[in-house]
Amino acid sequence: MAVVSRLLLATNRKLFHTNELLGKLLRKNNNYALQNQGMVRRMSDHRVMEVTASRWQWHKTKDWLHFYVFMGVIPAGLLIFYCNVFIGPATLEPIPEGYIPKQWEYYRHPITRFISRYMSPNIQMEYEKFLHKAKVISNKRELYKLKGRIRDQIRDYEDYRYWSFKEGSAKEIIELKQAIDNRELDA
């Protein structure tokens, strides 16, 4: 009977309406789930597997995030602990005569001194580089002014051909001289 009911229910509920005797026979031998819902198989009690989206990518991302955070946080925490406990902050001392303190000696904490000494640029050196750039710009400005004055002098006195000279051919000059001479002779 189970094989017949399985085959008939697999073809859908239309068989119940066409043959009433078959429907009555099956209703007596099957439970409520088979009569109203069609074929439902639950192998172990009433547990049904829920199909959901995978959370594997989220768990993997979370694992990598924890891994890299702790790869940085644990050594940094140990370094800070070591510096605070065993080295300690710097104390002020009188400066000896003629000694010029270095840039990193102005900071109190050893980690700040390390960063100032090895990772950040020297403040005095940066200032001197800025002054050099300002001097170069000033020199260029002075040269442009001098170049303008030279151009004006050459244009005013016409004693050098660099800026005010206009090139022409000798033929045009000869023709111009002949035209001027012809005018003088006619007048």
C-alpha atoms as a PDB file:
ATOM      1  CA  MET A   1       0.000   0.000   0.000  1.00  0.00           C
ATOM      2  CA  ALA A   2       2.846   2.371   0.744  1.00  0.00           C
ATOM      3  CA  VAL A   3       4.284   1.926  -2.749  1.00  0.00           C
ATOM      4  CA  VAL A   4       0.937   2.615  -4.406  1.00  0.00           C
ATOM      5  CA  SER A   5       0.316   5.701  -2.305  1.00  0.00           C
ATOM      6  CA  ARG A   6       3.771   6.998  -3.051  1.00  0.00           C
ATOM      7  CA  LEU A   7       3.301   6.580  -6.785  1.00  0.00           C
ATOM      8  CA  LEU A   8      -0.163   8.112  -6.772  1.00  0.00           C
ATOM      9  CA  LEU A   9       0.779  11.100  -4.625  1.00  0.00           C
ATOM     10  CA  ALA A  10       3.780  11.825  -6.779  1.00  0.00           C
ATOM     11  CA  THR A  11       1.459  12.458  -9.754  1.00  0.00           C
ATOM     12  CA  ASN A  12      -0.374  15.206  -7.794  1.00  0.00           C
ATOM     13  CA  ARG A  13      -3.768  15.563  -6.123  1.00  0.00           C
ATOM     14  CA  LYS A  14      -5.822  15.215  -9.278  1.00  0.00           C
ATOM     15  CA  LEU A  15      -6.108  11.506  -8.681  1.00  0.00           C
ATOM     16  CA  PHE A  16      -8.051  12.152  -5.512  1.00  0.00           C
ATOM     17  CA  HIS A  17     -10.750  13.977  -7.430  1.00  0.00           C
ATOM     18  CA  THR A  18     -11.067  11.532 -10.329  1.00  0.00           C
ATOM     19  CA  ASN A  19     -11.399   8.330  -8.346  1.00  0.00           C
ATOM     20  CA  GLU A  20     -13.223   8.796  -5.061  1.00  0.00           C
ATOM     21  CA  LEU A  21     -12.752   5.208  -3.962  1.00  0.00           C
ATOM     22  CA  LEU A  22      -8.996   5.508  -4.266  1.00  0.00           C
ATOM     23  CA  GLY A  23      -9.086   8.748  -2.240  1.00  0.00           C
ATOM     24  CA  LYS A  24     -11.091   7.083   0.549  1.00  0.00           C
ATOM     25  CA  LEU A  25      -8.768   4.138   0.602  1.00  0.00           C
ATOM     26  CA  LEU A  26      -5.690   6.312   0.827  1.00  0.00           C
ATOM     27  CA  ARG A  27      -7.199   8.576   3.493  1.00  0.00           C
ATOM     28  CA  LYS A  28      -7.684   5.663   5.823  1.00  0.00           C
ATOM     29  CA  ASN A  29      -4.105   4.472   5.551  1.00  0.00           C
ATOM     30  CA  ASN A  30      -2.170   7.804   5.487  1.00  0.00           C
ATOM     31  CA  ASN A  31      -1.640  10.571   7.947  1.00  0.00           C
ATOM     32  CA  TYR A  32      -2.822  14.170   7.713  1.00  0.00           C
ATOM     33  CA  ALA A  33       0.453  15.495   6.181  1.00  0.00           C
ATOM     34  CA  LEU A  34       0.220  13.163   3.211  1.00  0.00           C
ATOM     35  CA  GLN A  35      -3.429  13.944   2.598  1.00  0.00           C
ATOM     36  CA  ASN A  36      -3.158  17.761   2.602  1.00  0.00           C
ATOM     37  CA  GLN A  37       0.425  18.569   1.594  1.00  0.00           C
ATOM     38  CA  GLY A  38       1.450  15.893  -0.778  1.00  0.00           C
ATOM     39  CA  MET A  39       4.703  13.992  -0.264  1.00  0.00           C
ATOM     40  CA  VAL A  40       6.728  15.180   2.749  1.00  0.00           C
ATOM     41  CA  ARG A  41       9.578  13.046   3.977  1.00  0.00           C
ATOM     42  CA  ARG A  42      11.140  13.670   7.309  1.00  0.00           C
ATOM     43  CA  MET A  43      13.728  11.071   8.010  1.00  0.00           C
ATOM     44  CA  SER A  44      14.368  11.822  11.662  1.00  0.00           C
ATOM     45  CA  ASP A  45      11.442  13.241  13.543  1.00  0.00           C
ATOM     46  CA  HIS A  46      10.350  16.762  12.539  1.00  0.00           C
ATOM     47  CA  ARG A  47      13.732  18.387  11.913  1.00  0.00           C
ATOM     48  CA  VAL A  48      13.946  20.294   8.653  1.00  0.00           C
ATOM     49  CA  MET A  49      17.203  21.679   7.262  1.00  0.00           C
ATOM     50  CA  GLU A  50      16.980  25.441   6.746  1.00  0.00           C
ATOM     51  CA  VAL A  51      18.634  26.690   3.587  1.00  0.00           C
ATOM     52  CA  THR A  52      20.326  30.009   4.307  1.00  0.00           C
ATOM     53  CA  ALA A  53      23.060  32.082   2.739  1.00  0.00           C
ATOM     54  CA  SER A  54      26.589  31.053   3.548  1.00  0.00           C
ATOM     55  CA  ARG A  55      28.362  32.860   6.369  1.00  0.00           C
ATOM     56  CA  TRP A  56      31.732  31.388   5.474  1.00  0.00           C
ATOM     57  CA  GLN A  57      33.063  34.649   3.972  1.00  0.00           C
ATOM     58  CA  TRP A  58      32.060  36.619   7.069  1.00  0.00           C
ATOM     59  CA  HIS A  59      33.731  34.123   9.405  1.00  0.00           C
ATOM     60  CA  LYS A  60      36.871  34.038   7.263  1.00  0.00           C
ATOM     61  CA  THR A  61      37.072  37.849   7.177  1.00  0.00           C
ATOM     62  CA  LYS A  62      36.573  37.987  10.921  1.00  0.00           C
ATOM     63  CA  ASP A  63      39.323  35.404  11.438  1.00  0.00           C
ATOM     64  CA  TRP A  64      41.813  37.311   9.251  1.00  0.00           C
ATOM     65  CA  LEU A  65      40.915  40.596  10.956  1.00  0.00           C
ATOM     66  CA  HIS A  66      41.536  39.121  14.396  1.00  0.00           C
ATOM     67  CA  PHE A  67      44.756  37.503  13.194  1.00  0.00           C
ATOM     68  CA  TYR A  68      46.270  40.697  11.799  1.00  0.00           C
ATOM     69  CA  VAL A  69      45.029  42.915  14.633  1.00  0.00           C
ATOM     70  CA  PHE A  70      46.609  40.647  17.201  1.00  0.00           C
ATOM     71  CA  MET A  71      49.763  40.326  15.081  1.00  0.00           C
ATOM     72  CA  GLY A  72      50.154  44.101  15.550  1.00  0.00           C
ATOM     73  CA  VAL A  73      48.518  44.703  18.918  1.00  0.00           C
ATOM     74  CA  ILE A  74      50.386  42.079  20.947  1.00  0.00           C
ATOM     75  CA  PRO A  75      53.942  43.108  19.922  1.00  0.00           C
ATOM     76  CA  ALA A  76      53.079  46.810  20.197  1.00  0.00           C
ATOM     77  CA  GLY A  77      51.583  46.256  23.641  1.00  0.00           C
ATOM     78  CA  LEU A  78      54.687  44.352  24.765  1.00  0.00           C
ATOM     79  CA  LEU A  79      56.962  47.118  23.407  1.00  0.00           C
ATOM     80  CA  ILE A  80      54.973  49.849  25.171  1.00  0.00           C
ATOM     81  CA  PHE A  81      54.973  47.843  28.406  1.00  0.00           C
ATOM     82  CA  TYR A  82      58.752  47.336  28.174  1.00  0.00           C
ATOM     83  CA  CYS A  83      59.398  51.039  27.491  1.00  0.00           C
ATOM     84  CA  ASN A  84      57.169  52.227  30.315  1.00  0.00           C
ATOM     85  CA  VAL A  85      58.393  49.755  32.931  1.00  0.00           C
ATOM     86  CA  PHE A  86      62.101  49.286  32.195  1.00  0.00           C
ATOM     87  CA  ILE A  87      63.187  52.507  30.439  1.00  0.00           C
ATOM     88  CA  GLY A  88      60.776  55.068  31.822  1.00  0.00           C
ATOM     89  CA  PRO A  89      60.335  58.754  30.976  1.00  0.00           C
ATOM     90  CA  ALA A  90      63.268  61.114  30.522  1.00  0.00           C
ATOM     91  CA  THR A  91      64.136  63.611  33.250  1.00  0.00           C
ATOM     92  CA  LEU A  92      65.370  67.172  32.927  1.00  0.00           C
ATOM     93  CA  GLU A  93      69.070  67.670  33.586  1.00  0.00           C
ATOM     94  CA  PRO A  94      71.210  70.778  33.333  1.00  0.00           C
ATOM     95  CA  ILE A  95      72.779  71.186  29.881  1.00  0.00           C
ATOM     96  CA  PRO A  96      76.595  71.202  29.921  1.00  0.00           C
ATOM     97  CA  GLU A  97      78.420  74.280  28.658  1.00  0.00           C
ATOM     98  CA  GLY A  98      78.750  74.320  24.852  1.00  0.00           C
ATOM     99  CA  TYR A  99      76.518  71.279  24.264  1.00  0.00           C
ATOM    100  CA  ILE A 100      73.834  71.622  21.591  1.00  0.00           C
ATOM    101  CA  PRO A 101      70.924  69.214  22.251  1.00  0.00           C
ATOM    102  CA  LYS A 102      69.723  67.027  19.420  1.00  0.00           C
ATOM    103  CA  GLN A 103      66.153  67.246  18.173  1.00  0.00           C
ATOM    104  CA  TRP A 104      64.982  63.988  19.771  1.00  0.00           C
ATOM    105  CA  GLU A 105      66.334  64.951  23.201  1.00  0.00           C
ATOM    106  CA  TYR A 106      63.507  67.429  23.721  1.00  0.00           C
ATOM    107  CA  TYR A 107      60.858  64.693  24.094  1.00  0.00           C
ATOM    108  CA  ARG A 108      60.081  62.879  27.336  1.00  0.00           C
ATOM    109  CA  HIS A 109      58.765  59.432  26.339  1.00  0.00           C
ATOM    110  CA  PRO A 110      61.250  56.931  24.831  1.00  0.00           C
ATOM    111  CA  ILE A 111      58.917  55.888  21.996  1.00  0.00           C
ATOM    112  CA  THR A 112      58.392  59.538  21.000  1.00  0.00           C
ATOM    113  CA  ARG A 113      62.155  60.058  21.083  1.00  0.00           C
ATOM    114  CA  PHE A 114      62.670  56.995  18.858  1.00  0.00           C
ATOM    115  CA  ILE A 115      60.078  58.214  16.338  1.00  0.00           C
ATOM    116  CA  SER A 116      61.583  61.713  16.350  1.00  0.00           C
ATOM    117  CA  ARG A 117      65.104  60.382  15.853  1.00  0.00           C
ATOM    118  CA  TYR A 118      64.566  57.720  13.178  1.00  0.00           C
ATOM    119  CA  MET A 119      61.207  58.295  11.482  1.00  0.00           C
ATOM    120  CA  SER A 120      60.429  62.016  11.351  1.00  0.00           C
ATOM    121  CA  PRO A 121      62.531  64.658   9.593  1.00  0.00           C
ATOM    122  CA  ASN A 122      64.775  66.998  11.522  1.00  0.00           C
ATOM    123  CA  ILE A 123      62.925  70.283  12.153  1.00  0.00           C
ATOM    124  CA  GLN A 124      66.061  72.407  11.749  1.00  0.00           C
ATOM    125  CA  MET A 125      66.990  70.660   8.493  1.00  0.00           C
ATOM    126  CA  GLU A 126      63.464  71.164   7.123  1.00  0.00           C
ATOM    127  CA  TYR A 127      63.638  74.865   8.007  1.00  0.00           C
ATOM    128  CA  GLU A 128      66.999  75.227   6.267  1.00  0.00           C
ATOM    129  CA  LYS A 129      65.602  73.471   3.157  1.00  0.00           C
ATOM    130  CA  PHE A 130      62.695  75.931   3.184  1.00  0.00           C
ATOM    131  CA  LEU A 131      65.113  78.866   3.433  1.00  0.00           C
ATOM    132  CA  HIS A 132      67.122  77.479   0.498  1.00  0.00           C
ATOM    133  CA  LYS A 133      63.988  77.217  -1.658  1.00  0.00           C
ATOM    134  CA  ALA A 134      63.005  80.778  -0.706  1.00  0.00           C
ATOM    135  CA  LYS A 135      66.500  82.005  -1.648  1.00  0.00           C
ATOM    136  CA  VAL A 136      66.380  80.236  -5.027  1.00  0.00           C
ATOM    137  CA  ILE A 137      62.958  81.791  -5.771  1.00  0.00           C
ATOM    138  CA  SER A 138      64.268  85.219  -4.739  1.00  0.00           C
ATOM    139  CA  ASN A 139      67.322  84.817  -7.008  1.00  0.00           C
ATOM    140  CA  LYS A 140      65.089  83.854  -9.945  1.00  0.00           C
ATOM    141  CA  ARG A 141      62.899  86.900  -9.315  1.00  0.00           C
ATOM    142  CA  GLU A 142      65.978  89.165  -9.283  1.00  0.00           C
ATOM    143  CA  LEU A 143      67.243  87.608 -12.532  1.00  0.00           C
ATOM    144  CA  TYR A 144      63.878  88.181 -14.233  1.00  0.00           C
ATOM    145  CA  LYS A 145      63.927  91.819 -13.103  1.00  0.00           C
ATOM    146  CA  LEU A 146      67.498  92.230 -14.392  1.00  0.00           C
ATOM    147  CA  LYS A 147      66.564  90.601 -17.687  1.00  0.00           C
ATOM    148  CA  GLY A 148      63.678  93.069 -18.085  1.00  0.00           C
ATOM    149  CA  ARG A 149      65.957  96.030 -17.339  1.00  0.00           C
ATOM    150  CA  ILE A 150      68.519  94.761 -19.891  1.00  0.00           C
ATOM    151  CA  ARG A 151      65.776  94.361 -22.516  1.00  0.00           C
ATOM    152  CA  ASP A 152      64.565  97.928 -21.841  1.00  0.00           C
ATOM    153  CA  GLN A 153      68.105  99.343 -22.085  1.00  0.00           C
ATOM    154  CA  ILE A 154      68.795  97.563 -25.380  1.00  0.00           C
ATOM    155  CA  ARG A 155      65.463  98.764 -26.789  1.00  0.00           C
ATOM    156  CA  ASP A 156      66.137 102.349 -25.673  1.00  0.00           C
ATOM    157  CA  TYR A 157      69.726 102.657 -26.893  1.00  0.00           C
ATOM    158  CA  GLU A 158      69.584 100.201 -29.826  1.00  0.00           C
ATOM    159  CA  ASP A 159      73.211  99.209 -29.441  1.00  0.00           C
ATOM    160  CA  TYR A 160      72.809  95.449 -29.380  1.00  0.00           C
ATOM    161  CA  ARG A 161      70.811  93.291 -31.760  1.00  0.00           C
ATOM    162  CA  TYR A 162      69.503  90.574 -29.409  1.00  0.00           C
ATOM    163  CA  TRP A 163      65.928  91.649 -28.537  1.00  0.00           C
ATOM    164  CA  SER A 164      65.221  94.612 -30.815  1.00  0.00           C
ATOM    165  CA  PHE A 165      66.872  93.340 -34.001  1.00  0.00           C
ATOM    166  CA  LYS A 166      64.596  92.378 -36.887  1.00  0.00           C
ATOM    167  CA  GLU A 167      66.162  90.304 -39.595  1.00  0.00           C
ATOM    168  CA  GLY A 168      65.800  91.400 -43.185  1.00  0.00           C
ATOM    169  CA  SER A 169      67.521  90.702 -46.489  1.00  0.00           C
ATOM    170  CA  ALA A 170      70.091  92.991 -48.145  1.00  0.00           C
ATOM    171  CA  LYS A 171      67.954  93.208 -51.271  1.00  0.00           C
ATOM    172  CA  GLU A 172      65.219  95.106 -49.422  1.00  0.00           C
ATOM    173  CA  ILE A 173      67.764  97.510 -47.943  1.00  0.00           C
ATOM    174  CA  ILE A 174      69.330  98.172 -51.346  1.00  0.00           C
ATOM    175  CA  GLU A 175      65.924  98.822 -52.916  1.00  0.00           C
ATOM    176  CA  LEU A 176      64.983 101.142 -50.054  1.00  0.00           C
ATOM    177  CA  LYS A 177      68.273 103.083 -50.456  1.00  0.00           C
ATOM    178  CA  GLN A 178      67.693 103.405 -54.221  1.00  0.00           C
ATOM    179  CA  ALA A 179      64.133 104.661 -53.633  1.00  0.00           C
ATOM    180  CA  ILE A 180      65.399 107.273 -51.172  1.00  0.00           C
ATOM    181  CA  ASP A 181      68.170 108.345 -53.588  1.00  0.00           C
ATOM    182  CA  ASN A 182      65.680 108.618 -56.481  1.00  0.00           C
ATOM    183  CA  ARG A 183      63.430 110.820 -54.368  1.00  0.00           C
ATOM    184  CA  GLU A 184      66.318 113.115 -53.501  1.00  0.00           C
ATOM    185  CA  LEU A 185      67.259 113.423 -57.163  1.00  0.00           C
ATOM    186  CA  ASP A 186      63.659 114.187 -58.182  1.00  0.00           C
ATOM    187  CA  ALA A 187      63.236 116.867 -55.556  1.00  0.00           C
END
